[in-house]
N, C-alpha and C. Protein backbone atom coordinates (compact mmCIF):
# COMPACT_ATOMS: atom_id res chain seq x y z
N UNK A 1 129.31 107.47 69.07
CA UNK A 1 129.26 105.87 69.17
C UNK A 1 128.30 105.33 70.78
N UNK A 2 127.47 104.55 70.02
CA UNK A 2 126.55 104.36 71.60
C UNK A 2 126.88 102.65 71.91
N UNK A 3 127.22 102.70 73.71
CA UNK A 3 127.53 100.99 73.58
C UNK A 3 126.86 100.46 74.83
N UNK A 4 126.25 99.31 74.40
CA UNK A 4 125.24 98.71 75.28
C UNK A 4 125.58 98.66 76.63
N UNK A 5 124.52 98.88 78.05
CA UNK A 5 124.97 98.97 79.06
C UNK A 5 123.85 97.55 79.66
N UNK A 6 124.73 97.11 80.50
CA UNK A 6 124.58 95.23 80.60
C UNK A 6 123.15 95.86 82.03
N UNK A 7 122.19 95.22 82.31
CA UNK A 7 121.68 95.27 83.74
C UNK A 7 122.05 94.76 85.17
N UNK A 8 122.02 94.83 86.06
CA UNK A 8 123.18 95.03 87.16
C UNK A 8 123.06 92.82 87.60
N UNK A 9 121.71 92.43 86.98
CA UNK A 9 121.63 91.06 87.55
C UNK A 9 121.89 90.33 86.46
N UNK A 10 122.63 90.68 84.87
CA UNK A 10 122.92 90.08 83.66
C UNK A 10 124.05 89.70 84.20
N UNK A 11 125.54 90.44 84.24
CA UNK A 11 126.64 89.43 84.33
C UNK A 11 126.77 88.80 85.59
N UNK A 12 126.03 89.05 86.37
CA UNK A 12 126.45 87.76 87.36
C UNK A 12 125.30 86.76 87.32
N UNK A 13 124.34 86.38 86.66
CA UNK A 13 123.47 85.83 85.73
C UNK A 13 124.14 85.10 84.80
N UNK A 14 125.08 85.63 83.78
CA UNK A 14 125.85 85.06 82.64
C UNK A 14 126.57 84.29 83.24
N UNK A 15 127.66 84.43 84.40
CA UNK A 15 128.55 84.06 85.31
C UNK A 15 128.04 82.63 85.88
N UNK A 16 126.92 82.92 86.56
CA UNK A 16 126.51 81.53 86.71
C UNK A 16 126.20 80.75 86.28
N UNK A 17 125.46 81.03 85.28
CA UNK A 17 125.42 79.92 83.96
C UNK A 17 126.42 79.43 83.55
N UNK A 18 127.40 80.21 82.98
CA UNK A 18 128.93 79.63 82.80
C UNK A 18 129.09 78.56 83.75
N UNK A 19 128.73 79.09 84.80
CA UNK A 19 129.36 77.94 86.25
C UNK A 19 128.62 76.85 86.28
N UNK A 20 127.84 76.61 85.86
CA UNK A 20 126.58 75.83 85.84
C UNK A 20 127.17 74.90 85.15
N UNK A 21 127.31 75.62 83.10
CA UNK A 21 127.80 74.42 82.64
C UNK A 21 129.26 73.69 82.84
N UNK A 22 130.04 74.49 83.07
CA UNK A 22 131.48 74.17 83.81
C UNK A 22 130.93 72.69 84.80
N UNK A 23 130.46 72.99 85.60
CA UNK A 23 130.46 72.17 86.51
C UNK A 23 129.01 70.67 86.32
N UNK A 24 128.36 71.05 85.35
CA UNK A 24 127.70 69.90 84.82
C UNK A 24 128.49 69.14 83.50
N UNK A 25 129.47 69.64 82.67
CA UNK A 25 130.41 69.58 82.21
C UNK A 25 131.23 68.60 83.08
N UNK A 26 132.07 68.99 83.71
CA UNK A 26 132.88 68.30 84.45
C UNK A 26 132.17 66.85 84.94
N UNK A 27 130.84 67.15 85.61
CA UNK A 27 130.20 65.57 86.45
C UNK A 27 130.00 64.69 85.08
N UNK A 28 129.77 65.47 84.06
CA UNK A 28 129.59 64.46 83.01
C UNK A 28 130.46 63.56 82.38
N UNK A 29 131.59 63.98 82.37
CA UNK A 29 132.98 63.62 82.10
C UNK A 29 133.24 62.58 83.22
N UNK A 30 133.29 62.93 84.27
CA UNK A 30 133.17 62.11 85.04
C UNK A 30 132.17 60.70 85.70
N UNK A 31 131.04 61.02 85.29
CA UNK A 31 130.24 60.08 85.05
C UNK A 31 130.47 58.97 84.04
N UNK A 32 130.51 59.64 83.00
CA UNK A 32 131.07 58.82 81.73
C UNK A 32 132.51 57.80 81.96
N UNK A 33 133.22 58.32 82.83
CA UNK A 33 134.13 57.83 82.92
C UNK A 33 134.23 56.36 83.56
N UNK A 34 133.24 56.93 84.89
CA UNK A 34 133.10 55.88 85.71
C UNK A 34 132.33 54.48 85.02
N UNK A 35 131.01 55.01 84.40
CA UNK A 35 130.69 53.80 83.82
C UNK A 35 131.03 53.14 82.70
N UNK A 36 131.73 54.35 82.02
CA UNK A 36 132.12 53.56 80.81
C UNK A 36 133.16 52.41 80.54
N UNK A 37 134.12 52.91 82.14
CA UNK A 37 135.53 52.11 81.96
C UNK A 37 135.28 51.12 82.90
N UNK A 38 134.86 51.37 84.26
CA UNK A 38 134.19 50.38 85.32
C UNK A 38 133.50 49.53 85.11
N UNK A 39 132.61 49.64 84.27
CA UNK A 39 131.81 48.75 84.12
C UNK A 39 131.24 48.30 82.96
N UNK A 40 131.07 47.25 82.18
CA UNK A 40 131.41 46.38 80.71
C UNK A 40 130.41 47.09 80.00
N UNK A 41 130.93 47.50 79.02
CA UNK A 41 129.36 48.21 78.17
C UNK A 41 127.82 47.20 77.94
N UNK A 42 128.19 45.50 78.14
CA UNK A 42 126.94 45.49 77.93
C UNK A 42 125.86 46.03 79.33
N UNK A 43 126.14 46.02 80.74
CA UNK A 43 125.53 46.57 81.35
C UNK A 43 124.96 47.94 81.44
N UNK A 44 125.47 48.65 81.13
CA UNK A 44 124.83 49.99 81.11
C UNK A 44 123.56 50.19 79.79
N UNK A 45 122.70 50.41 81.28
CA UNK A 45 121.36 50.51 80.84
C UNK A 45 121.16 51.75 79.93
N UNK A 46 120.04 51.98 79.57
CA UNK A 46 119.10 52.59 78.30
C UNK A 46 118.93 53.73 79.26
N UNK A 47 118.75 53.56 80.19
CA UNK A 47 118.86 54.94 81.16
C UNK A 47 119.15 56.17 81.13
N UNK A 48 120.78 55.13 81.44
CA UNK A 48 122.01 56.24 81.57
C UNK A 48 122.22 56.79 80.37
N UNK A 49 122.10 55.72 79.32
CA UNK A 49 122.24 56.82 77.99
C UNK A 49 121.04 58.30 77.45
N UNK A 50 120.01 57.62 77.97
CA UNK A 50 119.25 58.98 77.68
C UNK A 50 119.30 59.93 78.72
N UNK A 51 119.67 59.89 80.09
CA UNK A 51 119.82 60.97 80.88
C UNK A 51 121.50 61.61 80.24
N UNK A 52 122.35 61.13 79.28
CA UNK A 52 123.52 61.60 79.25
C UNK A 52 122.74 62.35 78.34
N UNK A 53 122.28 61.92 77.09
CA UNK A 53 121.92 62.84 76.03
C UNK A 53 120.94 63.66 76.47
N UNK A 54 120.38 63.90 77.23
CA UNK A 54 119.32 65.12 77.81
C UNK A 54 120.31 66.12 78.44
N UNK A 55 121.12 66.05 79.17
CA UNK A 55 122.19 66.97 79.91
C UNK A 55 123.37 67.14 78.82
N UNK A 56 123.53 66.44 77.65
CA UNK A 56 124.31 67.15 76.79
C UNK A 56 123.98 67.71 76.06
N UNK A 57 122.55 67.95 75.95
CA UNK A 57 121.32 68.48 74.96
C UNK A 57 121.82 70.04 76.10
N UNK A 58 121.07 69.83 76.65
CA UNK A 58 121.37 71.07 77.91
C UNK A 58 122.48 72.12 77.68
N UNK A 59 123.33 71.44 77.84
CA UNK A 59 124.74 71.71 77.87
C UNK A 59 125.11 72.73 76.43
N UNK A 60 124.50 72.05 75.35
CA UNK A 60 124.85 72.63 74.26
C UNK A 60 123.78 73.88 73.80
N UNK A 61 122.66 73.89 74.42
CA UNK A 61 121.46 74.83 74.20
C UNK A 61 121.90 75.86 75.03
N UNK A 62 122.33 75.34 76.23
CA UNK A 62 122.81 76.34 77.27
C UNK A 62 124.14 77.08 77.26
N UNK A 63 125.27 76.42 76.47
CA UNK A 63 126.56 77.09 75.78
C UNK A 63 125.92 78.15 74.57
N UNK A 64 125.45 77.40 73.89
CA UNK A 64 124.73 78.38 72.39
C UNK A 64 124.09 79.44 73.11
N UNK A 65 123.18 79.58 73.77
CA UNK A 65 122.27 80.61 74.13
C UNK A 65 123.48 81.57 74.94
N UNK A 66 124.48 80.90 75.95
CA UNK A 66 125.01 82.13 76.03
C UNK A 66 126.06 82.93 75.26
N UNK A 67 126.56 81.98 74.07
CA UNK A 67 127.36 82.97 73.15
C UNK A 67 126.48 83.61 72.60
N UNK A 68 125.17 83.62 72.32
CA UNK A 68 124.22 84.82 71.89
C UNK A 68 124.12 85.61 72.29
N UNK A 69 123.84 85.65 73.62
CA UNK A 69 123.39 86.57 74.28
C UNK A 69 123.93 87.14 75.28
N UNK A 70 124.84 86.96 75.56
CA UNK A 70 126.18 87.52 76.56
C UNK A 70 126.97 88.46 75.55
N UNK A 71 126.50 89.47 74.98
CA UNK A 71 127.43 90.24 73.86
C UNK A 71 127.00 91.58 74.50
N UNK A 72 128.30 92.15 74.42
CA UNK A 72 128.20 93.75 74.31
C UNK A 72 127.94 94.50 72.74
N UNK A 73 126.70 95.48 73.01
CA UNK A 73 126.73 96.20 71.93
C UNK A 73 127.41 97.32 71.44
N UNK A 74 127.72 97.63 70.51
CA UNK A 74 128.58 99.32 70.14
C UNK A 74 127.94 99.39 68.66
N UNK A 75 127.16 100.60 68.57
CA UNK A 75 126.35 101.28 67.51
C UNK A 75 128.01 102.28 67.11
N UNK A 76 128.09 102.22 65.99
CA UNK A 76 128.88 103.43 65.24
C UNK A 76 128.00 104.04 64.23
N UNK A 77 127.40 105.40 65.08
CA UNK A 77 126.26 106.18 63.83
C UNK A 77 127.49 106.70 62.81
N UNK A 78 128.88 106.86 62.90
CA UNK A 78 129.16 107.94 61.67
C UNK A 78 129.58 106.68 60.93
N UNK A 79 130.37 105.27 61.33
CA UNK A 79 130.78 104.21 60.29
C UNK A 79 129.56 103.48 60.17
N UNK A 80 128.27 103.71 60.44
CA UNK A 80 126.73 103.23 59.92
C UNK A 80 126.82 101.99 60.26
N UNK A 81 127.55 100.85 61.71
CA UNK A 81 127.84 99.77 61.77
C UNK A 81 127.30 99.75 63.33
N UNK A 82 127.30 98.32 63.27
CA UNK A 82 126.88 97.60 64.39
C UNK A 82 127.51 96.61 64.74
N UNK A 83 128.28 96.61 66.41
CA UNK A 83 129.26 95.19 66.76
C UNK A 83 128.81 94.50 67.85
N UNK A 84 128.96 93.32 67.54
CA UNK A 84 128.40 92.64 68.55
C UNK A 84 129.53 91.88 69.64
N UNK A 85 130.24 92.16 70.66
CA UNK A 85 131.64 91.71 70.99
C UNK A 85 130.95 90.70 72.13
N UNK A 86 131.13 89.17 72.10
CA UNK A 86 130.81 88.32 73.18
C UNK A 86 131.59 88.65 74.76
N UNK A 87 131.07 88.56 75.84
CA UNK A 87 131.58 89.25 76.61
C UNK A 87 132.14 88.16 77.22
N UNK A 88 132.47 86.98 77.11
CA UNK A 88 133.61 85.54 77.98
C UNK A 88 134.75 85.89 76.74
N UNK A 89 134.65 85.79 75.44
CA UNK A 89 135.82 85.05 74.62
C UNK A 89 135.93 86.62 73.90
N UNK A 90 135.38 87.38 73.72
CA UNK A 90 135.49 88.87 73.30
C UNK A 90 135.58 88.69 71.57
N UNK A 91 135.11 87.80 71.14
CA UNK A 91 134.69 87.24 69.53
C UNK A 91 133.94 88.99 69.39
N UNK A 92 134.21 88.94 68.12
CA UNK A 92 133.51 90.42 67.60
C UNK A 92 132.67 90.25 66.61
N UNK A 93 131.93 91.03 66.04
CA UNK A 93 130.95 90.33 64.97
C UNK A 93 130.33 92.09 64.58
N UNK A 94 130.88 92.17 63.38
CA UNK A 94 130.66 93.67 63.06
C UNK A 94 129.53 93.64 61.63
N UNK A 95 128.51 94.28 61.87
CA UNK A 95 127.76 94.33 60.47
C UNK A 95 127.69 95.80 60.56
N UNK A 96 127.68 96.27 59.01
CA UNK A 96 127.41 97.39 58.43
C UNK A 96 125.75 97.50 58.59
N UNK A 97 125.12 99.15 58.60
CA UNK A 97 123.73 98.61 59.32
C UNK A 97 122.89 98.27 57.68
N UNK A 98 124.24 98.81 56.65
CA UNK A 98 122.88 99.03 55.51
C UNK A 98 122.63 97.40 54.64
N UNK A 99 123.66 96.46 55.78
CA UNK A 99 122.88 94.93 55.40
C UNK A 99 121.65 94.31 55.74
N UNK A 100 120.58 95.22 56.86
CA UNK A 100 119.91 94.85 57.44
C UNK A 100 118.83 95.56 56.74
N UNK A 101 117.90 95.19 56.19
CA UNK A 101 116.45 95.46 55.60
C UNK A 101 115.82 96.42 56.62
N UNK A 102 115.42 95.95 58.22
CA UNK A 102 115.23 97.10 58.80
C UNK A 102 115.56 96.44 60.45
N UNK A 103 114.05 97.01 61.48
CA UNK A 103 114.06 96.03 62.49
C UNK A 103 112.76 96.07 63.18
N UNK A 104 112.42 95.11 63.61
CA UNK A 104 110.99 95.08 64.14
C UNK A 104 111.01 94.90 65.75
N UNK A 105 110.23 95.57 66.32
CA UNK A 105 110.08 95.70 67.83
C UNK A 105 108.79 94.24 68.48
N UNK A 106 109.10 93.72 69.32
CA UNK A 106 108.43 92.99 69.89
C UNK A 106 108.66 93.15 71.63
N UNK A 107 107.92 92.15 72.11
CA UNK A 107 107.75 92.45 73.44
C UNK A 107 108.44 91.11 73.95
N UNK A 108 108.97 90.86 75.06
CA UNK A 108 109.40 89.65 75.59
C UNK A 108 108.84 89.60 76.83
N UNK A 109 108.64 88.57 77.72
CA UNK A 109 108.55 88.42 79.32
C UNK A 109 109.39 87.48 79.88
N UNK A 110 109.90 87.82 81.29
CA UNK A 110 110.40 87.39 81.75
C UNK A 110 109.93 85.91 82.36
N UNK A 111 109.97 85.27 83.59
CA UNK A 111 109.45 84.05 83.88
C UNK A 111 107.82 84.60 84.41
N UNK A 112 106.94 83.72 84.39
CA UNK A 112 106.02 83.85 85.01
C UNK A 112 105.08 84.87 84.63
N UNK A 113 105.62 85.59 83.12
CA UNK A 113 105.34 86.99 82.92
C UNK A 113 104.98 87.87 83.77
N UNK A 114 106.10 88.52 84.95
CA UNK A 114 106.17 88.89 85.52
C UNK A 114 106.19 90.49 85.21
N UNK A 115 107.10 90.54 84.35
CA UNK A 115 107.96 91.94 83.77
C UNK A 115 107.95 91.79 82.18
N UNK A 116 107.63 92.72 81.43
CA UNK A 116 107.82 92.66 80.16
C UNK A 116 108.87 93.73 79.52
N UNK A 117 109.49 93.46 78.58
CA UNK A 117 110.37 94.33 78.42
C UNK A 117 110.59 94.34 76.80
N UNK A 118 111.32 95.43 76.60
CA UNK A 118 111.43 95.61 74.49
C UNK A 118 112.44 95.46 74.34
N UNK A 119 112.18 94.23 72.80
CA UNK A 119 113.22 93.76 71.74
C UNK A 119 113.05 93.85 70.96
N UNK A 120 114.14 94.18 70.26
CA UNK A 120 114.88 94.92 68.85
C UNK A 120 115.14 93.51 68.24
N UNK A 121 114.83 93.60 66.87
CA UNK A 121 115.16 92.28 66.16
C UNK A 121 115.49 92.89 64.64
N UNK A 122 116.96 92.21 64.66
CA UNK A 122 117.16 93.06 63.22
C UNK A 122 117.01 92.00 62.27
N UNK A 123 116.54 92.47 60.95
CA UNK A 123 116.50 91.52 60.10
C UNK A 123 116.64 91.52 58.89
N UNK A 124 117.15 90.80 58.46
CA UNK A 124 117.64 90.44 56.36
C UNK A 124 116.41 89.53 55.80
N UNK A 125 116.12 89.62 54.58
CA UNK A 125 115.54 88.86 53.75
C UNK A 125 113.89 88.34 55.22
N UNK A 126 113.44 89.20 55.58
CA UNK A 126 112.38 88.85 56.53
C UNK A 126 112.89 87.30 57.37
N UNK A 127 113.96 87.31 58.02
CA UNK A 127 114.92 86.77 59.01
C UNK A 127 115.83 87.34 60.05
N UNK A 128 115.45 86.76 61.27
CA UNK A 128 116.06 87.41 62.53
C UNK A 128 117.60 87.34 62.48
N UNK A 129 118.32 88.37 62.03
CA UNK A 129 119.76 88.01 62.10
C UNK A 129 120.13 88.18 63.64
N UNK A 130 119.49 88.89 64.26
CA UNK A 130 120.67 89.39 65.88
C UNK A 130 118.96 89.79 66.70
N UNK A 131 119.22 89.58 67.77
CA UNK A 131 117.89 90.39 68.71
C UNK A 131 118.71 90.91 70.29
N UNK A 132 118.21 92.25 70.08
CA UNK A 132 118.47 93.31 70.95
C UNK A 132 117.34 93.12 72.14
N UNK A 133 117.96 92.24 73.41
CA UNK A 133 116.81 92.45 74.54
C UNK A 133 116.86 93.36 75.72
N UNK A 134 115.58 93.93 75.66
CA UNK A 134 115.72 94.89 76.87
C UNK A 134 115.84 94.30 78.43
N UNK A 135 115.76 92.99 78.50
CA UNK A 135 115.80 92.26 79.83
C UNK A 135 117.40 92.34 80.35
N UNK A 136 118.40 92.32 79.13
CA UNK A 136 119.51 92.52 79.70
C UNK A 136 120.38 93.76 79.21
N UNK A 137 120.03 94.74 78.61
CA UNK A 137 120.48 96.15 78.06
C UNK A 137 119.54 97.38 78.78
N UNK A 138 120.18 98.26 79.66
CA UNK A 138 118.98 98.84 80.42
C UNK A 138 118.75 100.16 79.76
N UNK A 139 119.69 100.61 78.59
CA UNK A 139 119.82 101.68 77.51
C UNK A 139 118.82 100.83 76.25
N UNK A 140 117.77 100.14 76.32
CA UNK A 140 117.63 99.68 75.05
C UNK A 140 116.89 100.91 74.15
N UNK A 141 116.25 102.18 74.76
CA UNK A 141 115.97 103.28 73.57
C UNK A 141 116.87 103.93 73.52
N UNK A 142 117.71 103.91 74.08
CA UNK A 142 119.18 104.47 73.18
C UNK A 142 119.82 103.67 72.20
N UNK A 143 119.54 102.31 72.17
CA UNK A 143 120.37 101.44 70.92
C UNK A 143 119.17 101.51 69.79
N UNK A 144 117.77 101.76 70.29
CA UNK A 144 116.73 102.03 69.37
C UNK A 144 117.02 102.95 68.42
N UNK A 145 117.28 104.12 69.27
CA UNK A 145 117.11 105.94 68.62
C UNK A 145 118.52 105.60 67.77
N UNK A 146 119.83 104.84 68.25
CA UNK A 146 121.10 105.06 67.17
C UNK A 146 120.66 104.09 65.84
N UNK A 147 119.75 103.01 65.74
CA UNK A 147 119.54 102.39 64.84
C UNK A 147 118.01 103.10 64.11
N UNK A 148 118.35 104.43 63.92
CA UNK A 148 116.99 105.09 63.65
C UNK A 148 117.80 105.41 62.11
N UNK A 149 118.80 104.92 61.55
CA UNK A 149 118.86 104.72 59.76
C UNK A 149 118.37 103.59 59.65
N UNK A 150 117.92 102.58 60.25
CA UNK A 150 117.24 101.45 59.71
C UNK A 150 115.54 101.63 59.43
N UNK A 151 115.14 100.86 58.80
CA UNK A 151 113.56 101.06 58.49
C UNK A 151 112.89 100.25 59.85
N UNK A 152 111.87 101.22 60.17
CA UNK A 152 111.09 100.62 61.76
C UNK A 152 109.85 99.80 60.77
N UNK A 153 110.05 98.74 61.12
CA UNK A 153 109.28 97.52 60.29
C UNK A 153 108.30 97.49 61.55
N UNK A 154 107.77 98.01 62.26
CA UNK A 154 106.76 97.89 63.53
C UNK A 154 106.37 97.19 64.15
N UNK A 155 105.46 96.92 64.54
CA UNK A 155 105.68 95.90 65.97
C UNK A 155 105.05 94.63 65.64
N UNK A 156 105.53 93.49 66.07
CA UNK A 156 105.08 92.57 66.21
C UNK A 156 105.35 91.26 66.89
N UNK A 157 104.19 90.49 66.91
CA UNK A 157 104.06 89.69 68.57
C UNK A 157 104.31 88.24 68.28
N UNK A 158 105.39 87.84 68.77
CA UNK A 158 105.58 86.61 68.83
C UNK A 158 104.88 85.42 69.33
N UNK A 159 104.42 84.55 69.20
CA UNK A 159 103.67 83.25 69.90
C UNK A 159 105.20 82.28 69.08
N UNK A 160 104.48 81.11 69.81
CA UNK A 160 105.76 79.91 69.90
C UNK A 160 106.33 79.54 68.40
N UNK A 161 105.32 79.80 67.68
CA UNK A 161 104.98 79.21 65.90
C UNK A 161 106.56 79.82 65.53
N UNK A 162 106.77 81.40 65.89
CA UNK A 162 107.25 82.32 65.21
C UNK A 162 108.24 82.32 65.79
N UNK A 163 108.88 81.77 67.20
CA UNK A 163 109.69 82.12 68.32
C UNK A 163 110.56 80.13 67.51
N UNK A 164 109.98 79.13 67.11
CA UNK A 164 110.51 78.41 66.43
C UNK A 164 111.15 78.60 65.52
N UNK A 165 110.34 79.40 64.30
CA UNK A 165 111.27 80.09 63.07
C UNK A 165 112.21 80.71 63.34
N UNK A 166 112.22 81.65 64.51
CA UNK A 166 113.63 82.39 64.29
C UNK A 166 114.63 81.75 65.01
N UNK A 167 114.15 80.65 65.44
CA UNK A 167 115.19 79.10 66.45
C UNK A 167 116.13 78.88 65.04
N UNK A 168 115.22 78.36 64.25
CA UNK A 168 115.70 77.86 62.95
C UNK A 168 115.95 78.59 61.78
N UNK A 169 116.08 79.90 61.80
CA UNK A 169 116.38 80.96 60.68
C UNK A 169 115.70 80.82 59.91
N UNK A 170 114.11 80.77 59.96
CA UNK A 170 113.29 80.84 58.59
C UNK A 170 112.76 82.48 59.12
N UNK A 171 112.25 82.49 57.51
CA UNK A 171 111.74 83.84 57.49
C UNK A 171 110.36 84.33 58.63
N UNK A 172 110.40 85.32 59.60
CA UNK A 172 109.15 85.67 60.27
C UNK A 172 108.30 86.48 60.03
N UNK A 173 108.44 87.14 58.79
CA UNK A 173 107.02 88.13 58.48
C UNK A 173 106.62 87.67 57.12
N UNK A 174 105.42 87.71 57.36
CA UNK A 174 104.70 87.40 55.69
C UNK A 174 104.96 87.91 54.62
């Protein structure tokens, strides 16, 4: 059984992100209460509504990102399964490795392209179901070795178009 190991900076980054989400949400609730209760509805400007939509959009994006990225990965080679357990709410998703058609390897970049890291993408019907990023896990090579029962579909370079396809759950392989 292989278990993922987080980078030293990953857990503090997850907690900081969660704290920012909570603080922004509390601030937004206060802001909305102050503006919608104490001021007549006809006096609310379009700028207030647009800023609220932008901030709520950011909160939604950040919470979805945190839900999918902050996972502990356990690969059981005897049972041929992989389990993703959310770090915060302990919700688990277990997949049989037989469900996947294989995996592709790509490269991710940190901010300002200062550092590269390996990313493994698990595919089913040419759609990426889960990503395992070397930015968060120190033992990415060990995790890749544990996935040896899957077909290695090679290396694929992702541009903005393929990243959008991944986000919208569209096929990424031609």
